[in-house]
Each structure stands twice: as structure tokens, then as C-alpha cells.
Amino acid sequence: MLSCECGKSVDVDDLLTCITCKAGESNTKSVPICAKCFVANHNGHQFEPAAKQEILSMNNQMSTFLQMNLKTYEVIIPTLSEKVAELLEVIPKNCEDFEEKMQANVSYEKAFEKVAECRELAKNYETICEDFVPHLRGLEKKLQQIVVSVEKLKTLGTESSK
């Protein structure tokens, strides 16, 4: 329900917007009018359904909301992903360097100590991956659901009414 210029609450589908009066004023916000006010105060003026303006307003709100959210994560997620990928490249490289150094003249005690540290690091790495990979898979799955939902939104207004 919206208010007409006369103050009466009317269903949006029963309201009109006077294009002539809106154009005559430097007002970008149109005032909805009921059929009675249209005949009495706007006879001969150009009009459109008020629902069209309301839909446009809702679309602008939705667009603003989506853009704010999308822009925020559009930068964060790929940046995190790049950083994770870089770190995943560094780990094997450092392990290779470690292996080369182990083959050099290292005492048995030092080698035993370093291998124990390496085993601990491997366990930590596995734990981290076990903890976070499911979340990444979950993120991918949820984002795919959003993609499907957006595809469904794109069909809005193109379905035939039954």
C-alpha cells in the first residue's frame, strides 16, 4: 500500500504516476496518484503505473546492495587465494632446500632433530588442510548455489503466467 497525493492508502497496482507533473517539477521522486485524483487533478496528463516506479526503486536498492557486497569479496577472495597459492608453492621449495642441506655434512643428532621437526610440520600442514579445505569446498558449493540463483533471477519476467 502506498499513499496517494490525497493521503488515501491505495494498493500499488491501483496507483498511477503523473509523468507530466514529474517532468514539470525538478523532482525526481514521483508522487503516486489514485484514479480519483488523476481524473480530478491530472486529466489529460501522461501517466504510467506507479508499480513501475516502485519496481525501479527496488531494483536500484537491490543493485546497490549487491554491488557493495560483490565488490567487497570480489577483491578479498582472489587475493587470499593468490596468497595461499604462493604459500603452497613456497612450502615444497623450502622442503627441497631442506633435503639438499640434509644430504650435506650434517651430524646424525642434528639430522634426527630436523627430521622430527619436519614430521611435526607435516602433521601441522595436514591438520591445517583437513581443517580448512572442507571450508573452501563449502565456499565453492555455496557460491555455485548463488550463481544458479542469479541465473534464476535473470529469468524474472520472462516466464509465462499460468
C-alpha atoms as a PDB file:
ATOM      1  CA  MET A   1       0.000   0.000   0.000  1.00  0.00           C
ATOM      2  CA  LEU A   2       1.196   3.465  -0.882  1.00  0.00           C
ATOM      3  CA  SER A   3      -0.243   6.865  -0.149  1.00  0.00           C
ATOM      4  CA  CYS A   4      -1.822   8.909  -2.898  1.00  0.00           C
ATOM      5  CA  GLU A   5      -1.280  12.664  -3.050  1.00  0.00           C
ATOM      6  CA  CYS A   6      -4.708  12.925  -1.385  1.00  0.00           C
ATOM      7  CA  GLY A   7      -3.409  10.867   1.552  1.00  0.00           C
ATOM      8  CA  LYS A   8      -5.518   7.781   0.855  1.00  0.00           C
ATOM      9  CA  SER A   9      -3.722   4.409   1.107  1.00  0.00           C
ATOM     10  CA  VAL A  10      -4.070   2.518  -2.142  1.00  0.00           C
ATOM     11  CA  ASP A  11      -2.631  -0.763  -3.430  1.00  0.00           C
ATOM     12  CA  VAL A  12       0.398  -0.047  -5.629  1.00  0.00           C
ATOM     13  CA  ASP A  13      -1.247  -1.829  -8.573  1.00  0.00           C
ATOM     14  CA  ASP A  14      -4.143   0.678  -8.423  1.00  0.00           C
ATOM     15  CA  LEU A  15      -1.924   3.776  -8.429  1.00  0.00           C
ATOM     16  CA  LEU A  16      -0.590   5.863 -11.284  1.00  0.00           C
ATOM     17  CA  THR A  17       2.322   8.239 -11.565  1.00  0.00           C
ATOM     18  CA  CYS A  18       1.826  11.528 -13.382  1.00  0.00           C
ATOM     19  CA  ILE A  19       4.734  11.874 -15.816  1.00  0.00           C
ATOM     20  CA  THR A  20       3.671  15.391 -16.857  1.00  0.00           C
ATOM     21  CA  CYS A  21       3.788  16.797 -13.326  1.00  0.00           C
ATOM     22  CA  LYS A  22       7.010  14.977 -12.549  1.00  0.00           C
ATOM     23  CA  ALA A  23       8.624  16.482 -15.649  1.00  0.00           C
ATOM     24  CA  GLY A  24       7.290  19.934 -14.842  1.00  0.00           C
ATOM     25  CA  GLU A  25       8.906  19.913 -11.419  1.00  0.00           C
ATOM     26  CA  SER A  26      12.582  19.297 -10.915  1.00  0.00           C
ATOM     27  CA  ASN A  27      11.516  16.465  -8.635  1.00  0.00           C
ATOM     28  CA  THR A  28      12.970  13.074  -9.432  1.00  0.00           C
ATOM     29  CA  LYS A  29      10.654  11.345  -6.952  1.00  0.00           C
ATOM     30  CA  SER A  30       7.187  10.932  -8.384  1.00  0.00           C
ATOM     31  CA  VAL A  31       4.031  11.135  -6.299  1.00  0.00           C
ATOM     32  CA  PRO A  32       1.616   8.257  -6.776  1.00  0.00           C
ATOM     33  CA  ILE A  33      -1.981   9.216  -7.550  1.00  0.00           C
ATOM     34  CA  CYS A  34      -5.221   7.280  -7.335  1.00  0.00           C
ATOM     35  CA  ALA A  35      -7.738   7.184 -10.188  1.00  0.00           C
ATOM     36  CA  LYS A  36      -9.938   9.797  -8.495  1.00  0.00           C
ATOM     37  CA  CYS A  37      -7.037  12.278  -8.133  1.00  0.00           C
ATOM     38  CA  PHE A  38      -5.940  11.537 -11.688  1.00  0.00           C
ATOM     39  CA  VAL A  39      -9.350  12.489 -13.078  1.00  0.00           C
ATOM     40  CA  ALA A  40      -9.710  15.498 -10.770  1.00  0.00           C
ATOM     41  CA  ASN A  41      -6.171  16.944 -10.860  1.00  0.00           C
ATOM     42  CA  HIS A  42      -4.238  15.322 -13.713  1.00  0.00           C
ATOM     43  CA  ASN A  43      -6.761  14.858 -16.510  1.00  0.00           C
ATOM     44  CA  GLY A  44      -5.011  14.863 -19.880  1.00  0.00           C
ATOM     45  CA  HIS A  45      -1.577  14.318 -18.356  1.00  0.00           C
ATOM     46  CA  GLN A  46       0.695  11.461 -19.304  1.00  0.00           C
ATOM     47  CA  PHE A  47       0.930   8.693 -16.736  1.00  0.00           C
ATOM     48  CA  GLU A  48       2.444   5.333 -16.002  1.00  0.00           C
ATOM     49  CA  PRO A  49       1.679   2.658 -13.412  1.00  0.00           C
ATOM     50  CA  ALA A  50       3.147   3.535 -10.008  1.00  0.00           C
ATOM     51  CA  ALA A  51       4.291  -0.071  -9.678  1.00  0.00           C
ATOM     52  CA  LYS A  52       6.816   0.625 -12.445  1.00  0.00           C
ATOM     53  CA  GLN A  53       8.453   3.327 -10.304  1.00  0.00           C
ATOM     54  CA  GLU A  54       8.381   1.095  -7.236  1.00  0.00           C
ATOM     55  CA  ILE A  55       9.992  -1.766  -9.146  1.00  0.00           C
ATOM     56  CA  LEU A  56      12.664   0.605 -10.445  1.00  0.00           C
ATOM     57  CA  SER A  57      13.319   1.802  -6.896  1.00  0.00           C
ATOM     58  CA  MET A  58      13.557  -1.764  -5.579  1.00  0.00           C
ATOM     59  CA  ASN A  59      15.858  -2.670  -8.461  1.00  0.00           C
ATOM     60  CA  ASN A  60      18.148   0.259  -7.605  1.00  0.00           C
ATOM     61  CA  GLN A  61      18.219  -0.771  -3.942  1.00  0.00           C
ATOM     62  CA  MET A  62      18.980  -4.372  -4.872  1.00  0.00           C
ATOM     63  CA  SER A  63      21.676  -3.322  -7.306  1.00  0.00           C
ATOM     64  CA  THR A  64      23.344  -1.087  -4.723  1.00  0.00           C
ATOM     65  CA  PHE A  65      23.236  -3.841  -2.113  1.00  0.00           C
ATOM     66  CA  LEU A  66      24.609  -6.482  -4.466  1.00  0.00           C
ATOM     67  CA  GLN A  67      27.354  -4.237  -5.795  1.00  0.00           C
ATOM     68  CA  MET A  68      28.519  -3.336  -2.285  1.00  0.00           C
ATOM     69  CA  ASN A  69      28.701  -6.998  -1.283  1.00  0.00           C
ATOM     70  CA  LEU A  70      30.146  -8.256  -4.535  1.00  0.00           C
ATOM     71  CA  LYS A  71      32.838  -5.581  -4.705  1.00  0.00           C
ATOM     72  CA  THR A  72      33.929  -6.330  -1.151  1.00  0.00           C
ATOM     73  CA  TYR A  73      34.509 -10.030  -1.684  1.00  0.00           C
ATOM     74  CA  GLU A  74      35.497  -9.729  -5.339  1.00  0.00           C
ATOM     75  CA  VAL A  75      38.823  -8.372  -4.113  1.00  0.00           C
ATOM     76  CA  ILE A  76      39.284 -10.287  -0.852  1.00  0.00           C
ATOM     77  CA  ILE A  77      38.717 -13.862  -2.035  1.00  0.00           C
ATOM     78  CA  PRO A  78      41.025 -13.853  -5.087  1.00  0.00           C
ATOM     79  CA  THR A  79      43.711 -12.019  -3.097  1.00  0.00           C
ATOM     80  CA  LEU A  80      43.544 -14.624  -0.338  1.00  0.00           C
ATOM     81  CA  SER A  81      43.511 -17.366  -2.933  1.00  0.00           C
ATOM     82  CA  GLU A  82      46.631 -15.920  -4.612  1.00  0.00           C
ATOM     83  CA  LYS A  83      48.416 -15.647  -1.274  1.00  0.00           C
ATOM     84  CA  VAL A  84      47.509 -19.229  -0.373  1.00  0.00           C
ATOM     85  CA  ALA A  85      48.716 -20.410  -3.795  1.00  0.00           C
ATOM     86  CA  GLU A  86      52.011 -18.554  -3.298  1.00  0.00           C
ATOM     87  CA  LEU A  87      52.483 -20.119   0.122  1.00  0.00           C
ATOM     88  CA  LEU A  88      51.698 -23.555  -1.278  1.00  0.00           C
ATOM     89  CA  GLU A  89      54.478 -23.026  -3.836  1.00  0.00           C
ATOM     90  CA  VAL A  90      56.977 -21.918  -1.182  1.00  0.00           C
ATOM     91  CA  ILE A  91      56.494 -24.945   1.085  1.00  0.00           C
ATOM     92  CA  PRO A  92      57.753 -27.620  -1.395  1.00  0.00           C
ATOM     93  CA  LYS A  93      60.603 -25.348  -2.472  1.00  0.00           C
ATOM     94  CA  ASN A  94      61.715 -24.944   1.129  1.00  0.00           C
ATOM     95  CA  CYS A  95      61.399 -28.697   1.651  1.00  0.00           C
ATOM     96  CA  GLU A  96      63.670 -29.314  -1.334  1.00  0.00           C
ATOM     97  CA  ASP A  97      66.202 -26.863   0.112  1.00  0.00           C
ATOM     98  CA  PHE A  98      65.977 -28.714   3.431  1.00  0.00           C
ATOM     99  CA  GLU A  99      66.560 -32.077   1.734  1.00  0.00           C
ATOM    100  CA  GLU A 100      69.642 -30.739  -0.048  1.00  0.00           C
ATOM    101  CA  LYS A 101      71.072 -29.407   3.211  1.00  0.00           C
ATOM    102  CA  MET A 102      70.344 -32.712   4.953  1.00  0.00           C
ATOM    103  CA  GLN A 103      72.483 -34.509   2.388  1.00  0.00           C
ATOM    104  CA  ALA A 104      75.398 -32.231   3.217  1.00  0.00           C
ATOM    105  CA  ASN A 105      77.647 -32.911   6.165  1.00  0.00           C
ATOM    106  CA  VAL A 106      75.113 -32.948   8.979  1.00  0.00           C
ATOM    107  CA  SER A 107      75.596 -34.893  12.169  1.00  0.00           C
ATOM    108  CA  TYR A 108      73.289 -37.776  12.977  1.00  0.00           C
ATOM    109  CA  GLU A 109      71.896 -35.978  16.017  1.00  0.00           C
ATOM    110  CA  LYS A 110      71.178 -32.802  14.024  1.00  0.00           C
ATOM    111  CA  ALA A 111      69.580 -34.803  11.189  1.00  0.00           C
ATOM    112  CA  PHE A 112      67.428 -36.743  13.689  1.00  0.00           C
ATOM    113  CA  GLU A 113      66.300 -33.470  15.283  1.00  0.00           C
ATOM    114  CA  LYS A 114      65.485 -31.853  11.932  1.00  0.00           C
ATOM    115  CA  VAL A 115      63.574 -34.891  10.681  1.00  0.00           C
ATOM    116  CA  ALA A 116      61.484 -34.808  13.872  1.00  0.00           C
ATOM    117  CA  GLU A 117      60.763 -31.101  13.256  1.00  0.00           C
ATOM    118  CA  CYS A 118      59.868 -31.887   9.655  1.00  0.00           C
ATOM    119  CA  ARG A 119      57.445 -34.620  10.746  1.00  0.00           C
ATOM    120  CA  GLU A 120      55.797 -32.164  13.132  1.00  0.00           C
ATOM    121  CA  LEU A 121      55.492 -29.581  10.342  1.00  0.00           C
ATOM    122  CA  ALA A 122      53.974 -32.217   8.046  1.00  0.00           C
ATOM    123  CA  LYS A 123      51.411 -33.101  10.729  1.00  0.00           C
ATOM    124  CA  ASN A 124      50.573 -29.411  11.217  1.00  0.00           C
ATOM    125  CA  TYR A 125      50.232 -28.941   7.466  1.00  0.00           C
ATOM    126  CA  GLU A 126      47.909 -31.931   7.197  1.00  0.00           C
ATOM    127  CA  THR A 127      45.812 -30.706  10.145  1.00  0.00           C
ATOM    128  CA  ILE A 128      45.511 -27.233   8.634  1.00  0.00           C
ATOM    129  CA  CYS A 129      44.464 -28.673   5.276  1.00  0.00           C
ATOM    130  CA  GLU A 130      41.983 -31.048   6.907  1.00  0.00           C
ATOM    131  CA  ASP A 131      40.519 -28.123   8.833  1.00  0.00           C
ATOM    132  CA  PHE A 132      40.268 -25.607   6.008  1.00  0.00           C
ATOM    133  CA  VAL A 133      39.902 -27.468   2.691  1.00  0.00           C
ATOM    134  CA  PRO A 134      36.316 -28.512   3.548  1.00  0.00           C
ATOM    135  CA  HIS A 135      35.517 -24.836   4.154  1.00  0.00           C
ATOM    136  CA  LEU A 136      36.919 -23.925   0.750  1.00  0.00           C
ATOM    137  CA  ARG A 137      34.884 -26.692  -0.854  1.00  0.00           C
ATOM    138  CA  GLY A 138      31.858 -25.449   1.066  1.00  0.00           C
ATOM    139  CA  LEU A 139      32.522 -21.904  -0.163  1.00  0.00           C
ATOM    140  CA  GLU A 140      32.737 -23.162  -3.731  1.00  0.00           C
ATOM    141  CA  LYS A 141      29.468 -25.081  -3.332  1.00  0.00           C
ATOM    142  CA  LYS A 142      27.662 -22.090  -1.794  1.00  0.00           C
ATOM    143  CA  LEU A 143      28.973 -19.736  -4.489  1.00  0.00           C
ATOM    144  CA  GLN A 144      27.738 -22.189  -7.133  1.00  0.00           C
ATOM    145  CA  GLN A 145      24.289 -22.074  -5.494  1.00  0.00           C
ATOM    146  CA  ILE A 146      24.413 -18.264  -5.704  1.00  0.00           C
ATOM    147  CA  VAL A 147      25.306 -18.496  -9.404  1.00  0.00           C
ATOM    148  CA  VAL A 148      22.295 -20.758 -10.003  1.00  0.00           C
ATOM    149  CA  SER A 149      20.056 -18.375  -8.044  1.00  0.00           C
ATOM    150  CA  VAL A 150      21.294 -15.406 -10.065  1.00  0.00           C
ATOM    151  CA  GLU A 151      20.571 -17.330 -13.262  1.00  0.00           C
ATOM    152  CA  LYS A 152      17.020 -17.890 -11.993  1.00  0.00           C
ATOM    153  CA  LEU A 153      16.705 -14.177 -11.174  1.00  0.00           C
ATOM    154  CA  LYS A 154      17.644 -13.326 -14.756  1.00  0.00           C
ATOM    155  CA  THR A 155      14.529 -15.168 -15.944  1.00  0.00           C
ATOM    156  CA  LEU A 156      12.280 -12.859 -13.894  1.00  0.00           C
ATOM    157  CA  GLY A 157       9.520 -11.506 -16.061  1.00  0.00           C
ATOM    158  CA  THR A 158      10.235 -13.885 -18.925  1.00  0.00           C
ATOM    159  CA  GLU A 159       8.159 -16.776 -17.580  1.00  0.00           C
ATOM    160  CA  SER A 160       4.674 -17.076 -18.917  1.00  0.00           C
ATOM    161  CA  SER A 161       1.921 -16.602 -16.359  1.00  0.00           C
ATOM    162  CA  LYS A 162      -0.302 -19.621 -15.880  1.00  0.00           C
END
